[in-house]
Amino acid sequence: MTSRTRYGHYEFLVMSFCLTNAPAAFMDLMNCLFRQYLDMFVILFIDHILIYSRSEDENTDHFKILLQVLKDQPLFVKFSKCEFWLRSVAFLGHIISRMGIEFDPKKTDAVKSFP
């Protein structure tokens, strides 16, 4: 998408998520890139990538695969927004851990306290 004004010609260098179909297009791209790893050790939701593993060694291998897939495209991650080697994680309104999947209490408190 480009814009032309009297001050010049402007275009996005990256896809702007304010565009109507941008999230769906990006999700489709990510699903295509990680298709062979989905539900094996990767779960995707738009720009969230969740890697799960049984051990730290396996997690390191999975992480290397993920970075290689991204590098081949080239797509980038912002490491300041990443969290690594967590024992539990909040993801899409759930808490995921070795104990299983539970609803995130922060998300359900509003429903419980509804009049």
PDB file of N, CA and C in Angstrom:
ATOM      1  N   MET A   1       0.853  -1.165   0.000  1.00  0.00           N
ATOM      2  CA  MET A   1       0.000   0.000   0.000  1.00  0.00           C
ATOM      3  C   MET A   1       0.897   1.226   0.000  1.00  0.00           C
ATOM      4  N   THR A   2       0.571   2.165  -0.845  1.00  0.00           N
ATOM      5  CA  THR A   2       1.347   3.398  -0.920  1.00  0.00           C
ATOM      6  C   THR A   2       0.424   4.592  -0.780  1.00  0.00           C
ATOM      7  N   SER A   3       1.023   5.677  -0.378  1.00  0.00           N
ATOM      8  CA  SER A   3       0.284   6.942  -0.273  1.00  0.00           C
ATOM      9  C   SER A   3       1.102   8.020  -0.954  1.00  0.00           C
ATOM     10  N   ARG A   4       0.424   8.880  -1.675  1.00  0.00           N
ATOM     11  CA  ARG A   4       1.106   9.980  -2.330  1.00  0.00           C
ATOM     12  C   ARG A   4       0.514  11.273  -1.792  1.00  0.00           C
ATOM     13  N   THR A   5       1.383  12.136  -1.323  1.00  0.00           N
ATOM     14  CA  THR A   5       0.969  13.452  -0.843  1.00  0.00           C
ATOM     15  C   THR A   5       1.808  14.496  -1.556  1.00  0.00           C
ATOM     16  N   ARG A   6       1.526  15.740  -1.307  1.00  0.00           N
ATOM     17  CA  ARG A   6       2.342  16.785  -1.928  1.00  0.00           C
ATOM     18  C   ARG A   6       3.754  16.813  -1.335  1.00  0.00           C
ATOM     19  N   TYR A   7       3.936  16.098  -0.219  1.00  0.00           N
ATOM     20  CA  TYR A   7       5.248  16.050   0.426  1.00  0.00           C
ATOM     21  C   TYR A   7       6.081  14.859  -0.019  1.00  0.00           C
ATOM     22  N   GLY A   8       5.486  13.966  -0.778  1.00  0.00           N
ATOM     23  CA  GLY A   8       6.244  12.827  -1.252  1.00  0.00           C
ATOM     24  C   GLY A   8       5.410  11.568  -1.371  1.00  0.00           C
ATOM     25  N   HIS A   9       6.086  10.509  -1.750  1.00  0.00           N
ATOM     26  CA  HIS A   9       5.483   9.197  -1.967  1.00  0.00           C
ATOM     27  C   HIS A   9       5.903   8.304  -0.798  1.00  0.00           C
ATOM     28  N   TYR A  10       4.933   7.671  -0.125  1.00  0.00           N
ATOM     29  CA  TYR A  10       5.220   6.862   1.059  1.00  0.00           C
ATOM     30  C   TYR A  10       4.654   5.459   0.876  1.00  0.00           C
ATOM     31  N   GLU A  11       5.416   4.484   1.328  1.00  0.00           N
ATOM     32  CA  GLU A  11       4.911   3.117   1.321  1.00  0.00           C
ATOM     33  C   GLU A  11       5.437   2.379   2.547  1.00  0.00           C
ATOM     34  N   PHE A  12       4.656   1.396   2.991  1.00  0.00           N
ATOM     35  CA  PHE A  12       5.047   0.601   4.144  1.00  0.00           C
ATOM     36  C   PHE A  12       6.262  -0.247   3.791  1.00  0.00           C
ATOM     37  N   LEU A  13       7.189  -0.355   4.724  1.00  0.00           N
ATOM     38  CA  LEU A  13       8.312  -1.276   4.562  1.00  0.00           C
ATOM     39  C   LEU A  13       7.959  -2.649   5.109  1.00  0.00           C
ATOM     40  N   VAL A  14       6.996  -2.679   6.007  1.00  0.00           N
ATOM     41  CA  VAL A  14       6.468  -3.922   6.564  1.00  0.00           C
ATOM     42  C   VAL A  14       4.953  -3.840   6.506  1.00  0.00           C
ATOM     43  N   MET A  15       4.290  -4.977   6.646  1.00  0.00           N
ATOM     44  CA  MET A  15       2.835  -4.984   6.596  1.00  0.00           C
ATOM     45  C   MET A  15       2.265  -4.294   7.830  1.00  0.00           C
ATOM     46  N   SER A  16       1.412  -3.340   7.609  1.00  0.00           N
ATOM     47  CA  SER A  16       0.756  -2.646   8.712  1.00  0.00           C
ATOM     48  C   SER A  16      -0.443  -3.464   9.169  1.00  0.00           C
ATOM     49  N   PHE A  17      -0.526  -3.745  10.471  1.00  0.00           N
ATOM     50  CA  PHE A  17      -1.632  -4.542  10.972  1.00  0.00           C
ATOM     51  C   PHE A  17      -2.926  -3.748  11.056  1.00  0.00           C
ATOM     52  N   CYS A  18      -2.880  -2.448  10.738  1.00  0.00           N
ATOM     53  CA  CYS A  18      -4.132  -1.688  10.710  1.00  0.00           C
ATOM     54  C   CYS A  18      -4.904  -1.951   9.414  1.00  0.00           C
ATOM     55  N   LEU A  19      -4.258  -2.553   8.430  1.00  0.00           N
ATOM     56  CA  LEU A  19      -4.956  -2.916   7.202  1.00  0.00           C
ATOM     57  C   LEU A  19      -5.918  -4.064   7.491  1.00  0.00           C
ATOM     58  N   THR A  20      -7.069  -4.037   6.891  1.00  0.00           N
ATOM     59  CA  THR A  20      -8.147  -4.970   7.212  1.00  0.00           C
ATOM     60  C   THR A  20      -7.733  -6.436   7.163  1.00  0.00           C
ATOM     61  N   ASN A  21      -7.083  -6.862   6.116  1.00  0.00           N
ATOM     62  CA  ASN A  21      -6.761  -8.282   5.951  1.00  0.00           C
ATOM     63  C   ASN A  21      -5.357  -8.662   6.403  1.00  0.00           C
ATOM     64  N   ALA A  22      -4.608  -7.723   6.951  1.00  0.00           N
ATOM     65  CA  ALA A  22      -3.222  -7.999   7.327  1.00  0.00           C
ATOM     66  C   ALA A  22      -3.092  -9.129   8.348  1.00  0.00           C
ATOM     67  N   PRO A  23      -3.863  -9.139   9.441  1.00  0.00           N
ATOM     68  CA  PRO A  23      -3.709 -10.247  10.394  1.00  0.00           C
ATOM     69  C   PRO A  23      -4.002 -11.612   9.771  1.00  0.00           C
ATOM     70  N   ALA A  24      -5.033 -11.691   8.944  1.00  0.00           N
ATOM     71  CA  ALA A  24      -5.373 -12.969   8.307  1.00  0.00           C
ATOM     72  C   ALA A  24      -4.286 -13.392   7.322  1.00  0.00           C
ATOM     73  N   ALA A  25      -3.755 -12.445   6.563  1.00  0.00           N
ATOM     74  CA  ALA A  25      -2.695 -12.769   5.605  1.00  0.00           C
ATOM     75  C   ALA A  25      -1.433 -13.229   6.331  1.00  0.00           C
ATOM     76  N   PHE A  26      -1.107 -12.556   7.428  1.00  0.00           N
ATOM     77  CA  PHE A  26       0.077 -12.947   8.198  1.00  0.00           C
ATOM     78  C   PHE A  26      -0.111 -14.320   8.833  1.00  0.00           C
ATOM     79  N   MET A  27      -1.300 -14.576   9.352  1.00  0.00           N
ATOM     80  CA  MET A  27      -1.594 -15.879   9.961  1.00  0.00           C
ATOM     81  C   MET A  27      -1.477 -16.987   8.913  1.00  0.00           C
ATOM     82  N   ASP A  28      -1.956 -16.730   7.712  1.00  0.00           N
ATOM     83  CA  ASP A  28      -1.850 -17.706   6.627  1.00  0.00           C
ATOM     84  C   ASP A  28      -0.384 -17.972   6.286  1.00  0.00           C
ATOM     85  N   LEU A  29       0.410 -16.915   6.220  1.00  0.00           N
ATOM     86  CA  LEU A  29       1.842 -17.068   5.955  1.00  0.00           C
ATOM     87  C   LEU A  29       2.504 -17.918   7.035  1.00  0.00           C
ATOM     88  N   MET A  30       2.237 -17.599   8.297  1.00  0.00           N
ATOM     89  CA  MET A  30       2.853 -18.337   9.402  1.00  0.00           C
ATOM     90  C   MET A  30       2.421 -19.809   9.391  1.00  0.00           C
ATOM     91  N   ASN A  31       1.148 -20.066   9.112  1.00  0.00           N
ATOM     92  CA  ASN A  31       0.672 -21.454   9.036  1.00  0.00           C
ATOM     93  C   ASN A  31       1.371 -22.222   7.922  1.00  0.00           C
ATOM     94  N   CYS A  32       1.582 -21.567   6.785  1.00  0.00           N
ATOM     95  CA  CYS A  32       2.287 -22.228   5.676  1.00  0.00           C
ATOM     96  C   CYS A  32       3.741 -22.515   6.044  1.00  0.00           C
ATOM     97  N   LEU A  33       4.403 -21.550   6.670  1.00  0.00           N
ATOM     98  CA  LEU A  33       5.818 -21.716   7.016  1.00  0.00           C
ATOM     99  C   LEU A  33       6.042 -22.820   8.043  1.00  0.00           C
ATOM    100  N   PHE A  34       5.137 -22.911   9.016  1.00  0.00           N
ATOM    101  CA  PHE A  34       5.335 -23.843  10.126  1.00  0.00           C
ATOM    102  C   PHE A  34       4.436 -25.073  10.056  1.00  0.00           C
ATOM    103  N   ARG A  35       3.802 -25.306   8.900  1.00  0.00           N
ATOM    104  CA  ARG A  35       2.839 -26.398   8.758  1.00  0.00           C
ATOM    105  C   ARG A  35       3.376 -27.736   9.271  1.00  0.00           C
ATOM    106  N   GLN A  36       4.592 -28.081   8.914  1.00  0.00           N
ATOM    107  CA  GLN A  36       5.130 -29.393   9.311  1.00  0.00           C
ATOM    108  C   GLN A  36       5.433 -29.491  10.803  1.00  0.00           C
ATOM    109  N   TYR A  37       5.450 -28.353  11.509  1.00  0.00           N
ATOM    110  CA  TYR A  37       5.756 -28.365  12.945  1.00  0.00           C
ATOM    111  C   TYR A  37       4.539 -28.076  13.822  1.00  0.00           C
ATOM    112  N   LEU A  38       3.426 -27.672  13.188  1.00  0.00           N
ATOM    113  CA  LEU A  38       2.228 -27.339  13.960  1.00  0.00           C
ATOM    114  C   LEU A  38       1.743 -28.552  14.743  1.00  0.00           C
ATOM    115  N   ASP A  39       1.422 -28.331  15.983  1.00  0.00           N
ATOM    116  CA  ASP A  39       0.930 -29.359  16.900  1.00  0.00           C
ATOM    117  C   ASP A  39       1.949 -30.467  17.172  1.00  0.00           C
ATOM    118  N   MET A  40       3.164 -30.318  16.655  1.00  0.00           N
ATOM    119  CA  MET A  40       4.266 -31.207  17.046  1.00  0.00           C
ATOM    120  C   MET A  40       5.058 -30.533  18.163  1.00  0.00           C
ATOM    121  N   PHE A  41       5.376 -29.241  17.923  1.00  0.00           N
ATOM    122  CA  PHE A  41       6.026 -28.447  18.963  1.00  0.00           C
ATOM    123  C   PHE A  41       5.790 -26.949  18.800  1.00  0.00           C
ATOM    124  N   VAL A  42       4.934 -26.570  17.851  1.00  0.00           N
ATOM    125  CA  VAL A  42       4.641 -25.155  17.618  1.00  0.00           C
ATOM    126  C   VAL A  42       3.136 -24.924  17.624  1.00  0.00           C
ATOM    127  N   ILE A  43       2.727 -23.847  18.287  1.00  0.00           N
ATOM    128  CA  ILE A  43       1.356 -23.339  18.214  1.00  0.00           C
ATOM    129  C   ILE A  43       1.468 -21.873  17.828  1.00  0.00           C
ATOM    130  N   LEU A  44       0.661 -21.448  16.865  1.00  0.00           N
ATOM    131  CA  LEU A  44       0.708 -20.075  16.367  1.00  0.00           C
ATOM    132  C   LEU A  44      -0.611 -19.363  16.598  1.00  0.00           C
ATOM    133  N   PHE A  45      -0.524 -18.087  16.881  1.00  0.00           N
ATOM    134  CA  PHE A  45      -1.696 -17.218  16.843  1.00  0.00           C
ATOM    135  C   PHE A  45      -1.212 -15.837  16.452  1.00  0.00           C
ATOM    136  N   ILE A  46      -1.462 -15.465  15.225  1.00  0.00           N
ATOM    137  CA  ILE A  46      -1.021 -14.219  14.600  1.00  0.00           C
ATOM    138  C   ILE A  46       0.485 -14.047  14.826  1.00  0.00           C
ATOM    139  N   ASP A  47       0.903 -13.120  15.704  1.00  0.00           N
ATOM    140  CA  ASP A  47       2.339 -12.923  15.896  1.00  0.00           C
ATOM    141  C   ASP A  47       2.856 -13.553  17.189  1.00  0.00           C
ATOM    142  N   HIS A  48       2.094 -14.476  17.751  1.00  0.00           N
ATOM    143  CA  HIS A  48       2.535 -15.230  18.927  1.00  0.00           C
ATOM    144  C   HIS A  48       2.960 -16.628  18.471  1.00  0.00           C
ATOM    145  N   ILE A  49       4.154 -17.014  18.866  1.00  0.00           N
ATOM    146  CA  ILE A  49       4.666 -18.343  18.541  1.00  0.00           C
ATOM    147  C   ILE A  49       4.975 -19.040  19.855  1.00  0.00           C
ATOM    148  N   LEU A  50       4.326 -20.156  20.085  1.00  0.00           N
ATOM    149  CA  LEU A  50       4.539 -20.931  21.303  1.00  0.00           C
ATOM    150  C   LEU A  50       5.251 -22.226  20.934  1.00  0.00           C
ATOM    151  N   ILE A  51       6.405 -22.459  21.561  1.00  0.00           N
ATOM    152  CA  ILE A  51       7.153 -23.702  21.372  1.00  0.00           C
ATOM    153  C   ILE A  51       7.028 -24.505  22.658  1.00  0.00           C
ATOM    154  N   TYR A  52       6.690 -25.774  22.526  1.00  0.00           N
ATOM    155  CA  TYR A  52       6.613 -26.618  23.714  1.00  0.00           C
ATOM    156  C   TYR A  52       7.461 -27.865  23.498  1.00  0.00           C
ATOM    157  N   SER A  53       8.080 -28.319  24.581  1.00  0.00           N
ATOM    158  CA  SER A  53       9.016 -29.441  24.508  1.00  0.00           C
ATOM    159  C   SER A  53       8.999 -30.219  25.809  1.00  0.00           C
ATOM    160  N   ARG A  54       9.498 -31.439  25.760  1.00  0.00           N
ATOM    161  CA  ARG A  54       9.559 -32.297  26.949  1.00  0.00           C
ATOM    162  C   ARG A  54      10.828 -32.068  27.772  1.00  0.00           C
ATOM    163  N   SER A  55      11.870 -31.517  27.150  1.00  0.00           N
ATOM    164  CA  SER A  55      13.128 -31.308  27.866  1.00  0.00           C
ATOM    165  C   SER A  55      13.792 -30.028  27.364  1.00  0.00           C
ATOM    166  N   GLU A  56      14.790 -29.562  28.105  1.00  0.00           N
ATOM    167  CA  GLU A  56      15.516 -28.362  27.687  1.00  0.00           C
ATOM    168  C   GLU A  56      16.304 -28.618  26.405  1.00  0.00           C
ATOM    169  N   ASP A  57      16.881 -29.799  26.266  1.00  0.00           N
ATOM    170  CA  ASP A  57      17.622 -30.125  25.042  1.00  0.00           C
ATOM    171  C   ASP A  57      16.700 -30.128  23.831  1.00  0.00           C
ATOM    172  N   GLU A  58      15.541 -30.741  23.986  1.00  0.00           N
ATOM    173  CA  GLU A  58      14.553 -30.773  22.906  1.00  0.00           C
ATOM    174  C   GLU A  58      14.082 -29.354  22.594  1.00  0.00           C
ATOM    175  N   ASN A  59      13.906 -28.536  23.627  1.00  0.00           N
ATOM    176  CA  ASN A  59      13.480 -27.156  23.435  1.00  0.00           C
ATOM    177  C   ASN A  59      14.522 -26.363  22.648  1.00  0.00           C
ATOM    178  N   THR A  60      15.777 -26.593  22.950  1.00  0.00           N
ATOM    179  CA  THR A  60      16.854 -25.920  22.216  1.00  0.00           C
ATOM    180  C   THR A  60      16.821 -26.318  20.747  1.00  0.00           C
ATOM    181  N   ASP A  61      16.623 -27.596  20.458  1.00  0.00           N
ATOM    182  CA  ASP A  61      16.519 -28.057  19.067  1.00  0.00           C
ATOM    183  C   ASP A  61      15.323 -27.421  18.372  1.00  0.00           C
ATOM    184  N   HIS A  62      14.184 -27.381  19.048  1.00  0.00           N
ATOM    185  CA  HIS A  62      12.981 -26.776  18.475  1.00  0.00           C
ATOM    186  C   HIS A  62      13.200 -25.287  18.211  1.00  0.00           C
ATOM    187  N   PHE A  63      13.849 -24.623  19.134  1.00  0.00           N
ATOM    188  CA  PHE A  63      14.109 -23.194  18.983  1.00  0.00           C
ATOM    189  C   PHE A  63      15.012 -22.935  17.776  1.00  0.00           C
ATOM    190  N   LYS A  64      16.021 -23.770  17.570  1.00  0.00           N
ATOM    191  CA  LYS A  64      16.903 -23.627  16.409  1.00  0.00           C
ATOM    192  C   LYS A  64      16.124 -23.801  15.107  1.00  0.00           C
ATOM    193  N   ILE A  65      15.215 -24.769  15.079  1.00  0.00           N
ATOM    194  CA  ILE A  65      14.382 -24.985  13.886  1.00  0.00           C
ATOM    195  C   ILE A  65      13.535 -23.750  13.622  1.00  0.00           C
ATOM    196  N   LEU A  66      12.899 -23.230  14.659  1.00  0.00           N
ATOM    197  CA  LEU A  66      12.059 -22.044  14.519  1.00  0.00           C
ATOM    198  C   LEU A  66      12.861 -20.872  13.967  1.00  0.00           C
ATOM    199  N   LEU A  67      14.023 -20.612  14.539  1.00  0.00           N
ATOM    200  CA  LEU A  67      14.843 -19.497  14.069  1.00  0.00           C
ATOM    201  C   LEU A  67      15.294 -19.693  12.628  1.00  0.00           C
ATOM    202  N   GLN A  68      15.580 -20.923  12.237  1.00  0.00           N
ATOM    203  CA  GLN A  68      16.000 -21.186  10.859  1.00  0.00           C
ATOM    204  C   GLN A  68      14.857 -20.922   9.883  1.00  0.00           C
ATOM    205  N   VAL A  69      13.653 -21.348  10.233  1.00  0.00           N
ATOM    206  CA  VAL A  69      12.486 -21.092   9.373  1.00  0.00           C
ATOM    207  C   VAL A  69      12.290 -19.587   9.206  1.00  0.00           C
ATOM    208  N   LEU A  70      12.371 -18.848  10.292  1.00  0.00           N
ATOM    209  CA  LEU A  70      12.207 -17.395  10.225  1.00  0.00           C
ATOM    210  C   LEU A  70      13.327 -16.751   9.413  1.00  0.00           C
ATOM    211  N   LYS A  71      14.548 -17.203   9.622  1.00  0.00           N
ATOM    212  CA  LYS A  71      15.703 -16.645   8.908  1.00  0.00           C
ATOM    213  C   LYS A  71      15.596 -16.873   7.402  1.00  0.00           C
ATOM    214  N   ASP A  72      15.080 -18.025   7.000  1.00  0.00           N
ATOM    215  CA  ASP A  72      14.973 -18.365   5.579  1.00  0.00           C
ATOM    216  C   ASP A  72      14.000 -17.468   4.826  1.00  0.00           C
ATOM    217  N   GLN A  73      13.121 -16.758   5.506  1.00  0.00           N
ATOM    218  CA  GLN A  73      12.058 -16.011   4.824  1.00  0.00           C
ATOM    219  C   GLN A  73      12.429 -14.625   4.294  1.00  0.00           C
ATOM    220  N   PRO A  74      13.044 -13.701   4.832  1.00  0.00           N
ATOM    221  CA  PRO A  74      13.488 -13.486   6.202  1.00  0.00           C
ATOM    222  C   PRO A  74      12.413 -12.786   7.043  1.00  0.00           C
ATOM    223  N   LEU A  75      12.113 -13.380   8.165  1.00  0.00           N
ATOM    224  CA  LEU A  75      11.233 -12.781   9.169  1.00  0.00           C
ATOM    225  C   LEU A  75      12.055 -12.613  10.443  1.00  0.00           C
ATOM    226  N   PHE A  76      11.644 -11.674  11.279  1.00  0.00           N
ATOM    227  CA  PHE A  76      12.435 -11.345  12.457  1.00  0.00           C
ATOM    228  C   PHE A  76      11.585 -11.401  13.709  1.00  0.00           C
ATOM    229  N   VAL A  77      12.225 -11.702  14.822  1.00  0.00           N
ATOM    230  CA  VAL A  77      11.567 -11.629  16.123  1.00  0.00           C
ATOM    231  C   VAL A  77      12.239 -10.520  16.918  1.00  0.00           C
ATOM    232  N   LYS A  78      11.457  -9.894  17.763  1.00  0.00           N
ATOM    233  CA  LYS A  78      12.005  -8.875  18.652  1.00  0.00           C
ATOM    234  C   LYS A  78      12.297  -9.568  19.980  1.00  0.00           C
ATOM    235  N   PHE A  79      13.566  -9.808  20.247  1.00  0.00           N
ATOM    236  CA  PHE A  79      13.936 -10.621  21.403  1.00  0.00           C
ATOM    237  C   PHE A  79      13.518  -9.997  22.728  1.00  0.00           C
ATOM    238  N   SER A  80      13.342  -8.670  22.774  1.00  0.00           N
ATOM    239  CA  SER A  80      12.883  -8.046  24.021  1.00  0.00           C
ATOM    240  C   SER A  80      11.440  -8.441  24.347  1.00  0.00           C
ATOM    241  N   LYS A  81      10.705  -8.956  23.364  1.00  0.00           N
ATOM    242  CA  LYS A  81       9.328  -9.405  23.595  1.00  0.00           C
ATOM    243  C   LYS A  81       9.230 -10.922  23.794  1.00  0.00           C
ATOM    244  N   CYS A  82      10.365 -11.605  23.749  1.00  0.00           N
ATOM    245  CA  CYS A  82      10.377 -13.064  23.860  1.00  0.00           C
ATOM    246  C   CYS A  82      10.615 -13.506  25.302  1.00  0.00           C
ATOM    247  N   GLU A  83      10.066 -14.668  25.623  1.00  0.00           N
ATOM    248  CA  GLU A  83      10.316 -15.309  26.907  1.00  0.00           C
ATOM    249  C   GLU A  83      10.754 -16.739  26.612  1.00  0.00           C
ATOM    250  N   PHE A  84      11.766 -17.193  27.325  1.00  0.00           N
ATOM    251  CA  PHE A  84      12.353 -18.489  27.028  1.00  0.00           C
ATOM    252  C   PHE A  84      12.324 -19.411  28.239  1.00  0.00           C
ATOM    253  N   TRP A  85      12.208 -20.695  27.978  1.00  0.00           N
ATOM    254  CA  TRP A  85      12.315 -21.764  28.964  1.00  0.00           C
ATOM    255  C   TRP A  85      11.406 -21.536  30.179  1.00  0.00           C
ATOM    256  N   LEU A  86      10.148 -21.258  29.894  1.00  0.00           N
ATOM    257  CA  LEU A  86       9.168 -21.055  30.961  1.00  0.00           C
ATOM    258  C   LEU A  86       8.569 -22.395  31.372  1.00  0.00           C
ATOM    259  N   ARG A  87       8.249 -22.537  32.634  1.00  0.00           N
ATOM    260  CA  ARG A  87       7.583 -23.749  33.133  1.00  0.00           C
ATOM    261  C   ARG A  87       6.073 -23.651  32.959  1.00  0.00           C
ATOM    262  N   SER A  88       5.555 -22.427  32.918  1.00  0.00           N
ATOM    263  CA  SER A  88       4.137 -22.208  32.609  1.00  0.00           C
ATOM    264  C   SER A  88       4.034 -20.895  31.850  1.00  0.00           C
ATOM    265  N   VAL A  89       2.993 -20.794  31.033  1.00  0.00           N
ATOM    266  CA  VAL A  89       2.841 -19.607  30.200  1.00  0.00           C
ATOM    267  C   VAL A  89       1.362 -19.266  30.067  1.00  0.00           C
ATOM    268  N   ALA A  90       1.059 -17.973  30.079  1.00  0.00           N
ATOM    269  CA  ALA A  90      -0.292 -17.503  29.789  1.00  0.00           C
ATOM    270  C   ALA A  90      -0.396 -17.349  28.273  1.00  0.00           C
ATOM    271  N   PHE A  91      -1.382 -18.016  27.676  1.00  0.00           N
ATOM    272  CA  PHE A  91      -1.520 -17.998  26.218  1.00  0.00           C
ATOM    273  C   PHE A  91      -2.993 -18.057  25.861  1.00  0.00           C
ATOM    274  N   LEU A  92      -3.490 -17.021  25.224  1.00  0.00           N
ATOM    275  CA  LEU A  92      -4.872 -16.947  24.747  1.00  0.00           C
ATOM    276  C   LEU A  92      -5.890 -17.249  25.844  1.00  0.00           C
ATOM    277  N   GLY A  93      -5.684 -16.648  27.017  1.00  0.00           N
ATOM    278  CA  GLY A  93      -6.648 -16.800  28.103  1.00  0.00           C
ATOM    279  C   GLY A  93      -6.529 -18.084  28.892  1.00  0.00           C
ATOM    280  N   HIS A  94      -5.449 -18.820  28.700  1.00  0.00           N
ATOM    281  CA  HIS A  94      -5.220 -20.074  29.409  1.00  0.00           C
ATOM    282  C   HIS A  94      -3.829 -20.066  30.037  1.00  0.00           C
ATOM    283  N   ILE A  95      -3.660 -20.861  31.062  1.00  0.00           N
ATOM    284  CA  ILE A  95      -2.346 -21.105  31.643  1.00  0.00           C
ATOM    285  C   ILE A  95      -1.944 -22.515  31.232  1.00  0.00           C
ATOM    286  N   ILE A  96      -0.821 -22.625  30.544  1.00  0.00           N
ATOM    287  CA  ILE A  96      -0.343 -23.914  30.059  1.00  0.00           C
ATOM    288  C   ILE A  96       0.906 -24.285  30.854  1.00  0.00           C
ATOM    289  N   SER A  97       0.904 -25.485  31.420  1.00  0.00           N
ATOM    290  CA  SER A  97       2.043 -25.961  32.206  1.00  0.00           C
ATOM    291  C   SER A  97       2.119 -27.480  32.104  1.00  0.00           C
ATOM    292  N   ARG A  98       3.050 -28.065  32.819  1.00  0.00           N
ATOM    293  CA  ARG A  98       3.156 -29.531  32.851  1.00  0.00           C
ATOM    294  C   ARG A  98       1.904 -30.167  33.435  1.00  0.00           C
ATOM    295  N   MET A  99       1.202 -29.413  34.264  1.00  0.00           N
ATOM    296  CA  MET A  99      -0.005 -29.928  34.917  1.00  0.00           C
ATOM    297  C   MET A  99      -1.201 -29.960  33.962  1.00  0.00           C
ATOM    298  N   GLY A 100      -1.067 -29.313  32.805  1.00  0.00           N
ATOM    299  CA  GLY A 100      -2.156 -29.287  31.836  1.00  0.00           C
ATOM    300  C   GLY A 100      -2.515 -27.867  31.447  1.00  0.00           C
ATOM    301  N   ILE A 101      -3.739 -27.702  30.998  1.00  0.00           N
ATOM    302  CA  ILE A 101      -4.234 -26.403  30.544  1.00  0.00           C
ATOM    303  C   ILE A 101      -5.378 -25.989  31.453  1.00  0.00           C
ATOM    304  N   GLU A 102      -5.292 -24.769  31.972  1.00  0.00           N
ATOM    305  CA  GLU A 102      -6.331 -24.227  32.849  1.00  0.00           C
ATOM    306  C   GLU A 102      -6.734 -22.854  32.339  1.00  0.00           C
ATOM    307  N   PHE A 103      -7.929 -22.425  32.714  1.00  0.00           N
ATOM    308  CA  PHE A 103      -8.334 -21.062  32.413  1.00  0.00           C
ATOM    309  C   PHE A 103      -7.468 -20.105  33.214  1.00  0.00           C
ATOM    310  N   ASP A 104      -7.122 -18.971  32.625  1.00  0.00           N
ATOM    311  CA  ASP A 104      -6.360 -17.943  33.324  1.00  0.00           C
ATOM    312  C   ASP A 104      -7.291 -17.241  34.304  1.00  0.00           C
ATOM    313  N   PRO A 105      -7.018 -17.307  35.613  1.00  0.00           N
ATOM    314  CA  PRO A 105      -7.903 -16.675  36.602  1.00  0.00           C
ATOM    315  C   PRO A 105      -8.092 -15.177  36.358  1.00  0.00           C
ATOM    316  N   LYS A 106      -7.097 -14.517  35.810  1.00  0.00           N
ATOM    317  CA  LYS A 106      -7.228 -13.084  35.517  1.00  0.00           C
ATOM    318  C   LYS A 106      -8.346 -12.834  34.508  1.00  0.00           C
ATOM    319  N   LYS A 107      -8.562 -13.785  33.625  1.00  0.00           N
ATOM    320  CA  LYS A 107      -9.592 -13.633  32.595  1.00  0.00           C
ATOM    321  C   LYS A 107     -10.968 -14.046  33.099  1.00  0.00           C
ATOM    322  N   THR A 108     -11.027 -14.977  34.037  1.00  0.00           N
ATOM    323  CA  THR A 108     -12.325 -15.477  34.500  1.00  0.00           C
ATOM    324  C   THR A 108     -12.885 -14.692  35.677  1.00  0.00           C
ATOM    325  N   ASP A 109     -12.053 -13.898  36.364  1.00  0.00           N
ATOM    326  CA  ASP A 109     -12.534 -13.122  37.514  1.00  0.00           C
ATOM    327  C   ASP A 109     -13.645 -12.155  37.122  1.00  0.00           C
ATOM    328  N   ALA A 110     -13.526 -11.539  35.959  1.00  0.00           N
ATOM    329  CA  ALA A 110     -14.553 -10.596  35.515  1.00  0.00           C
ATOM    330  C   ALA A 110     -15.893 -11.300  35.315  1.00  0.00           C
ATOM    331  N   VAL A 111     -15.866 -12.505  34.797  1.00  0.00           N
ATOM    332  CA  VAL A 111     -17.101 -13.263  34.581  1.00  0.00           C
ATOM    333  C   VAL A 111     -17.695 -13.699  35.920  1.00  0.00           C
ATOM    334  N   LYS A 112     -16.851 -14.145  36.838  1.00  0.00           N
ATOM    335  CA  LYS A 112     -17.326 -14.586  38.149  1.00  0.00           C
ATOM    336  C   LYS A 112     -17.962 -13.456  38.947  1.00  0.00           C
ATOM    337  N   SER A 113     -17.438 -12.248  38.806  1.00  0.00           N
ATOM    338  CA  SER A 113     -17.957 -11.122  39.584  1.00  0.00           C
ATOM    339  C   SER A 113     -19.076 -10.370  38.866  1.00  0.00           C
ATOM    340  N   PHE A 114     -19.496 -10.855  37.706  1.00  0.00           N
ATOM    341  CA  PHE A 114     -20.576 -10.203  36.969  1.00  0.00           C
ATOM    342  C   PHE A 114     -21.875 -10.319  37.770  1.00  0.00           C
ATOM    343  N   PRO A 115     -22.621  -9.213  37.884  1.00  0.00           N
ATOM    344  CA  PRO A 115     -23.847  -9.236  38.721  1.00  0.00           C
ATOM    345  C   PRO A 115     -24.911 -10.192  38.283  1.00  0.00           C
TER     346      PRO A 115
END
